[in-house]
Amino acid sequence: MNQIEYENYHDTSKAYDNTRIPIGLEIYLGCFASTPRPLFEQNILDGGCGTGNYIQALKEKVGHLYGLELNGGMLAQAREKCQNEANIQLEQGSLLEPLPYHDETFDGMMCNQVLHHLVAASSQEHFEPVHQLIKEAQRVLRPQGVLVFNTNSHQQLYDGFWWADLIPEAVGRIAKRFPPIEIMTSMLKEVGFHKIGIVVPVDAVLQGENYLDPMGPLKKDFRDGDSTWSLATDEELERAFERVRSMNQEDSMVQYLETRENLRKNIGQTTFIFAYKK
């Protein structure tokens, strides 16, 4: 079974790092540090590691980092970054299959903006692929190890990104692939995780300094930084482009951005969910 790729990540991987930054590093380190072994002795798995942004950012903080990534283009970028790092091991593979690691291998496992790539239209009601991943995570984690997901609530998808208002139909399509936060916590409990917690870093934005570019939606590199854009039809894209052009020409974009940003500052863009193996 393959993960769901609704855009060509082999191509977008080339520009991905220009519009995505690793947010919430302090959250991850706090979770990993709360497990029994010292950070410098730990094995950490990044499931769906993409271009290796998080692995690269954490390489001097923890003992050994393992990355699993299905897409060849993303994995090639990660390998180029990490080729001389002795404490990093990267492997190609799908999170929809049994994880290629022995039982009780890892002190911590993280998944960053990955869950919606596991969910096909046929599995959106019960989110069974995510449930299976949680069970596999429990298997490969050591006792008292921690699992951390970085995902989005449905409210964040609609109002945590200023440009989401430009393509509401596409947001609606991608929202169906995101398990609601309450379903995530329920699945974690069902599998046997405990000490479940939620952190929302309200100031963090996935696209970093490029995020507030008033002309951003007109640029392919900007759109390649978030897969929501790939679900918009040509007609929906052109409508969004026209709104961006008009607001910039009419000097109303500043007010529009301020209004949209006021929403984000209350709800954040992303949600971190962590849970511990007993």
Protein backbone atom coordinates (compact mmCIF):
# COMPACT_ATOMS: atom_id res chain seq x y z
CA MET A 1 0.00 0.00 0.00
CA ASN A 2 1.32 3.43 -0.91
CA GLN A 3 0.97 6.69 0.93
CA ILE A 4 -1.34 9.20 -0.70
CA GLU A 5 0.53 11.72 -2.83
CA TYR A 6 -1.83 14.31 -4.26
CA GLU A 7 0.98 16.41 -5.64
CA ASN A 8 4.31 15.62 -7.29
CA TYR A 9 6.61 15.65 -4.28
CA HIS A 10 9.55 14.62 -6.42
CA ASP A 11 9.34 18.07 -8.01
CA THR A 12 8.17 20.12 -5.04
CA SER A 13 10.93 18.69 -2.86
CA LYS A 14 13.39 20.87 -4.76
CA ALA A 15 11.74 24.04 -3.42
CA TYR A 16 10.30 22.64 -0.19
CA ASP A 17 13.05 23.95 2.08
CA ASN A 18 12.55 27.48 0.78
CA THR A 19 9.08 27.66 2.30
CA ARG A 20 9.11 25.23 5.25
CA ILE A 21 10.95 25.50 8.54
CA PRO A 22 11.10 23.03 11.46
CA ILE A 23 8.84 24.50 14.13
CA GLY A 24 8.33 23.24 17.67
CA LEU A 25 11.85 21.93 18.24
CA GLU A 26 11.61 22.87 21.91
CA ILE A 27 8.43 20.81 22.17
CA TYR A 28 10.12 17.74 20.73
CA LEU A 29 13.19 18.11 22.89
CA GLY A 30 11.04 18.53 25.98
CA CYS A 31 9.14 15.35 25.18
CA PHE A 32 12.27 13.35 24.38
CA ALA A 33 14.06 14.62 27.50
CA SER A 34 11.17 13.39 29.66
CA THR A 35 11.86 9.74 28.75
CA PRO A 36 14.23 7.59 30.86
CA ARG A 37 17.47 7.78 28.87
CA PRO A 38 19.63 10.91 28.45
CA LEU A 39 19.15 12.71 25.14
CA PHE A 40 22.66 11.93 23.93
CA GLU A 41 21.94 8.18 24.30
CA GLN A 42 18.53 8.21 22.63
CA ASN A 43 17.35 6.74 19.34
CA ILE A 44 14.70 8.95 17.70
CA LEU A 45 12.61 8.04 14.64
CA ASP A 46 11.25 10.68 12.27
CA GLY A 47 8.40 8.94 10.46
CA GLY A 48 7.84 10.62 7.11
CA CYS A 49 11.00 12.70 7.47
CA GLY A 50 10.61 14.58 4.17
CA THR A 51 13.73 16.53 3.28
CA GLY A 52 15.21 15.99 6.74
CA ASN A 53 14.59 19.44 8.20
CA TYR A 54 13.83 18.16 11.68
CA ILE A 55 16.60 15.58 11.64
CA GLN A 56 19.09 18.24 10.61
CA ALA A 57 17.89 20.57 13.37
CA LEU A 58 18.11 17.87 16.06
CA LYS A 59 21.31 16.10 15.04
CA GLU A 60 23.45 17.75 17.72
CA LYS A 61 20.81 17.39 20.43
CA VAL A 62 20.14 13.63 20.51
CA GLY A 63 22.20 10.47 20.14
CA HIS A 64 20.94 8.84 16.94
CA LEU A 65 18.28 9.89 14.45
CA TYR A 66 16.49 7.61 12.03
CA GLY A 67 14.42 8.88 9.12
CA LEU A 68 11.84 6.95 7.10
CA GLU A 69 10.54 8.57 3.91
CA LEU A 70 8.59 7.14 0.99
CA ASN A 71 9.17 9.81 -1.65
CA GLY A 72 12.44 9.48 -3.54
CA GLY A 73 12.80 13.20 -4.22
CA MET A 74 12.34 14.14 -0.59
CA LEU A 75 14.67 11.37 0.56
CA ALA A 76 17.39 12.47 -1.89
CA GLN A 77 17.28 15.97 -0.40
CA ALA A 78 17.54 14.54 3.11
CA ARG A 79 20.47 12.32 2.17
CA GLU A 80 22.31 15.24 0.61
CA LYS A 81 21.97 17.23 3.83
CA CYS A 82 22.95 14.37 6.11
CA GLN A 83 25.51 12.45 4.07
CA ASN A 84 28.41 13.06 6.45
CA GLU A 85 26.51 12.60 9.71
CA ALA A 86 27.47 9.41 11.54
CA ASN A 87 24.49 9.53 13.88
CA ILE A 88 21.84 9.74 11.14
CA GLN A 89 20.35 6.78 9.28
CA LEU A 90 17.84 7.33 6.46
CA GLU A 91 15.70 4.70 4.80
CA GLN A 92 13.01 4.61 2.11
CA GLY A 93 9.71 3.15 3.20
CA SER A 94 6.00 3.71 3.78
CA LEU A 95 4.28 4.46 7.07
CA LEU A 96 1.37 2.36 5.81
CA GLU A 97 3.49 -0.77 6.07
CA PRO A 98 4.96 -2.38 9.20
CA LEU A 99 7.85 -0.18 10.31
CA PRO A 100 11.20 -1.77 9.33
CA TYR A 101 12.58 -1.70 12.86
CA HIS A 102 12.79 -4.16 15.75
CA ASP A 103 10.53 -3.97 18.78
CA GLU A 104 11.50 -1.43 21.44
CA THR A 105 14.15 0.30 19.30
CA PHE A 106 13.32 3.97 19.89
CA ASP A 107 13.05 6.34 22.82
CA GLY A 108 10.90 8.72 20.80
CA MET A 109 9.08 8.92 17.48
CA MET A 110 7.86 12.05 15.71
CA CYS A 111 5.63 12.58 12.68
CA ASN A 112 5.53 16.08 11.22
CA GLN A 113 2.61 17.06 8.99
CA VAL A 114 2.32 13.49 7.73
CA LEU A 115 -1.03 12.09 8.84
CA HIS A 116 -3.06 13.54 5.96
CA HIS A 117 -0.78 11.76 3.50
CA LEU A 118 -1.85 8.41 4.95
CA VAL A 119 -5.58 8.89 4.57
CA ALA A 120 -7.33 8.05 1.30
CA ALA A 121 -10.93 8.94 0.47
CA SER A 122 -12.00 5.41 1.40
CA SER A 123 -10.55 5.63 4.91
CA GLN A 124 -11.65 9.08 6.03
CA GLU A 125 -14.43 7.88 8.31
CA HIS A 126 -12.38 5.82 10.74
CA PHE A 127 -8.81 6.88 9.82
CA GLU A 128 -7.66 3.27 10.03
CA PRO A 129 -4.20 3.94 8.47
CA VAL A 130 -3.45 6.35 11.32
CA HIS A 131 -4.67 3.81 13.86
CA GLN A 132 -2.32 1.21 12.39
CA LEU A 133 0.60 3.65 12.50
CA ILE A 134 -0.05 4.33 16.18
CA LYS A 135 0.02 0.59 16.88
CA GLU A 136 3.32 0.25 15.02
CA ALA A 137 4.73 3.21 16.93
CA GLN A 138 3.86 1.50 20.19
CA ARG A 139 5.68 -1.62 19.01
CA VAL A 140 8.95 0.11 18.10
CA LEU A 141 9.03 2.42 21.14
CA ARG A 142 10.77 1.44 24.33
CA PRO A 143 8.75 1.39 27.57
CA GLN A 144 8.02 4.99 28.61
CA GLY A 145 8.99 6.15 25.12
CA VAL A 146 7.10 9.07 23.60
CA LEU A 147 5.18 9.49 20.35
CA VAL A 148 4.68 13.05 19.06
CA PHE A 149 2.50 14.15 16.14
CA ASN A 150 2.55 17.60 14.58
CA THR A 151 -0.79 18.03 12.83
CA ASN A 152 -3.62 20.57 12.39
CA SER A 153 -7.07 20.96 13.84
CA HIS A 154 -9.79 21.66 11.30
CA GLN A 155 -10.15 25.19 12.66
CA GLN A 156 -6.44 25.74 12.12
CA LEU A 157 -6.70 24.55 8.52
CA TYR A 158 -9.36 27.17 7.78
CA ASP A 159 -8.17 30.10 9.89
CA GLY A 160 -4.55 29.38 10.86
CA PHE A 161 -3.25 30.19 7.37
CA TRP A 162 -4.04 33.61 5.94
CA TRP A 163 -4.29 32.31 2.38
CA ALA A 164 -6.70 29.47 3.24
CA ASP A 165 -9.58 31.91 2.78
CA LEU A 166 -8.55 32.23 -0.88
CA ILE A 167 -9.10 28.51 -1.62
CA PRO A 168 -11.83 27.32 0.79
CA GLU A 169 -12.88 24.41 -1.43
CA ALA A 170 -9.35 22.99 -1.41
CA VAL A 171 -9.16 23.44 2.36
CA GLY A 172 -12.39 21.48 2.66
CA ARG A 173 -10.92 18.65 0.62
CA ILE A 174 -7.73 18.40 2.63
CA ALA A 175 -9.55 18.75 5.96
CA LYS A 176 -11.24 15.41 5.28
CA ARG A 177 -7.81 13.77 5.38
CA PHE A 178 -6.90 15.19 8.81
CA PRO A 179 -8.10 13.16 11.79
CA PRO A 180 -9.83 15.49 14.26
CA ILE A 181 -7.76 16.04 17.40
CA GLU A 182 -10.31 14.25 19.58
CA ILE A 183 -10.13 11.18 17.34
CA MET A 184 -6.34 11.21 17.59
CA THR A 185 -6.41 11.23 21.39
CA SER A 186 -9.06 8.51 21.40
CA MET A 187 -6.96 6.27 19.15
CA LEU A 188 -3.87 6.80 21.29
CA LYS A 189 -5.80 5.75 24.40
CA GLU A 190 -7.29 2.73 22.62
CA VAL A 191 -3.86 1.47 21.57
CA GLY A 192 -2.61 1.82 25.14
CA PHE A 193 -0.71 5.11 25.27
CA HIS A 194 -1.16 7.32 28.33
CA LYS A 195 -0.13 10.74 29.66
CA ILE A 196 -1.54 12.27 26.49
CA GLY A 197 -1.01 16.00 26.06
CA ILE A 198 -1.59 18.76 23.51
CA VAL A 199 0.55 21.83 22.79
CA VAL A 200 -0.38 24.63 20.37
CA PRO A 201 2.54 26.97 19.58
CA VAL A 202 0.44 29.99 18.60
CA ASP A 203 3.39 32.05 17.35
CA ALA A 204 4.95 29.40 15.08
CA VAL A 205 4.29 29.43 11.33
CA LEU A 206 5.31 26.63 9.02
CA GLN A 207 6.44 28.89 6.19
CA GLY A 208 8.72 31.07 8.29
CA GLU A 209 9.65 34.51 7.00
CA ASN A 210 8.00 33.82 3.63
CA TYR A 211 4.60 33.27 5.19
CA LEU A 212 3.33 36.87 5.01
CA ASP A 213 4.43 37.53 1.43
CA PRO A 214 1.42 39.46 0.04
CA MET A 215 2.16 38.12 -3.44
CA GLY A 216 3.03 34.63 -2.19
CA PRO A 217 0.05 32.73 -3.64
CA LEU A 218 1.07 33.86 -7.13
CA LYS A 219 4.45 32.10 -6.75
CA LYS A 220 4.86 28.38 -7.35
CA ASP A 221 7.55 28.02 -4.68
CA PHE A 222 5.19 29.53 -2.12
CA ARG A 223 2.36 27.19 -3.10
CA ASP A 224 4.69 24.18 -3.13
CA GLY A 225 5.23 24.74 0.59
CA ASP A 226 1.74 23.47 1.43
CA SER A 227 -0.09 20.57 -0.21
CA THR A 228 -3.48 22.28 0.17
CA TRP A 229 -2.74 24.28 -2.96
CA SER A 230 -2.37 21.09 -5.00
CA LEU A 231 -6.02 20.22 -4.29
CA ALA A 232 -7.36 23.44 -5.81
CA THR A 233 -8.78 23.25 -9.32
CA ASP A 234 -7.45 25.49 -12.07
CA GLU A 235 -10.58 27.61 -11.79
CA GLU A 236 -10.21 27.94 -8.02
CA LEU A 237 -6.55 28.88 -8.39
CA GLU A 238 -7.29 31.55 -10.95
CA ARG A 239 -9.99 32.98 -8.71
CA ALA A 240 -7.51 33.10 -5.82
CA PHE A 241 -4.85 34.71 -8.02
CA GLU A 242 -7.28 37.39 -9.13
CA ARG A 243 -8.20 38.22 -5.53
CA VAL A 244 -4.51 38.53 -4.62
CA ARG A 245 -3.80 40.79 -7.59
CA SER A 246 -6.83 42.96 -6.88
CA MET A 247 -6.10 43.37 -3.17
CA ASN A 248 -2.49 44.31 -3.89
CA GLN A 249 -3.52 46.81 -6.55
CA GLU A 250 -6.24 48.33 -4.37
CA ASP A 251 -3.98 48.54 -1.30
CA SER A 252 -6.40 46.40 0.70
CA MET A 253 -4.00 43.49 1.20
CA VAL A 254 -2.49 44.92 4.40
CA GLN A 255 -5.91 45.06 6.06
CA TYR A 256 -6.79 41.60 4.76
CA LEU A 257 -3.58 40.11 6.16
CA GLU A 258 -4.13 41.80 9.51
CA THR A 259 -7.67 40.43 9.76
CA ARG A 260 -6.58 36.92 8.86
CA GLU A 261 -3.54 37.03 11.14
CA ASN A 262 -5.68 38.06 14.11
CA LEU A 263 -7.48 34.73 13.71
CA ARG A 264 -4.23 32.76 13.57
CA LYS A 265 -2.81 34.45 16.65
CA ASN A 266 -5.71 33.05 18.67
CA ILE A 267 -5.65 29.45 17.42
CA GLY A 268 -2.16 28.86 16.01
CA GLN A 269 -1.30 26.97 12.85
CA THR A 270 -0.40 23.55 14.20
CA THR A 271 -1.14 21.20 17.08
CA PHE A 272 1.36 18.90 18.76
CA ILE A 273 -0.07 15.74 20.34
CA PHE A 274 2.22 13.66 22.55
CA ALA A 275 1.63 10.37 24.34
CA TYR A 276 3.76 7.91 26.29
CA LYS A 277 4.05 4.16 26.04
CA LYS A 278 3.38 2.45 29.36
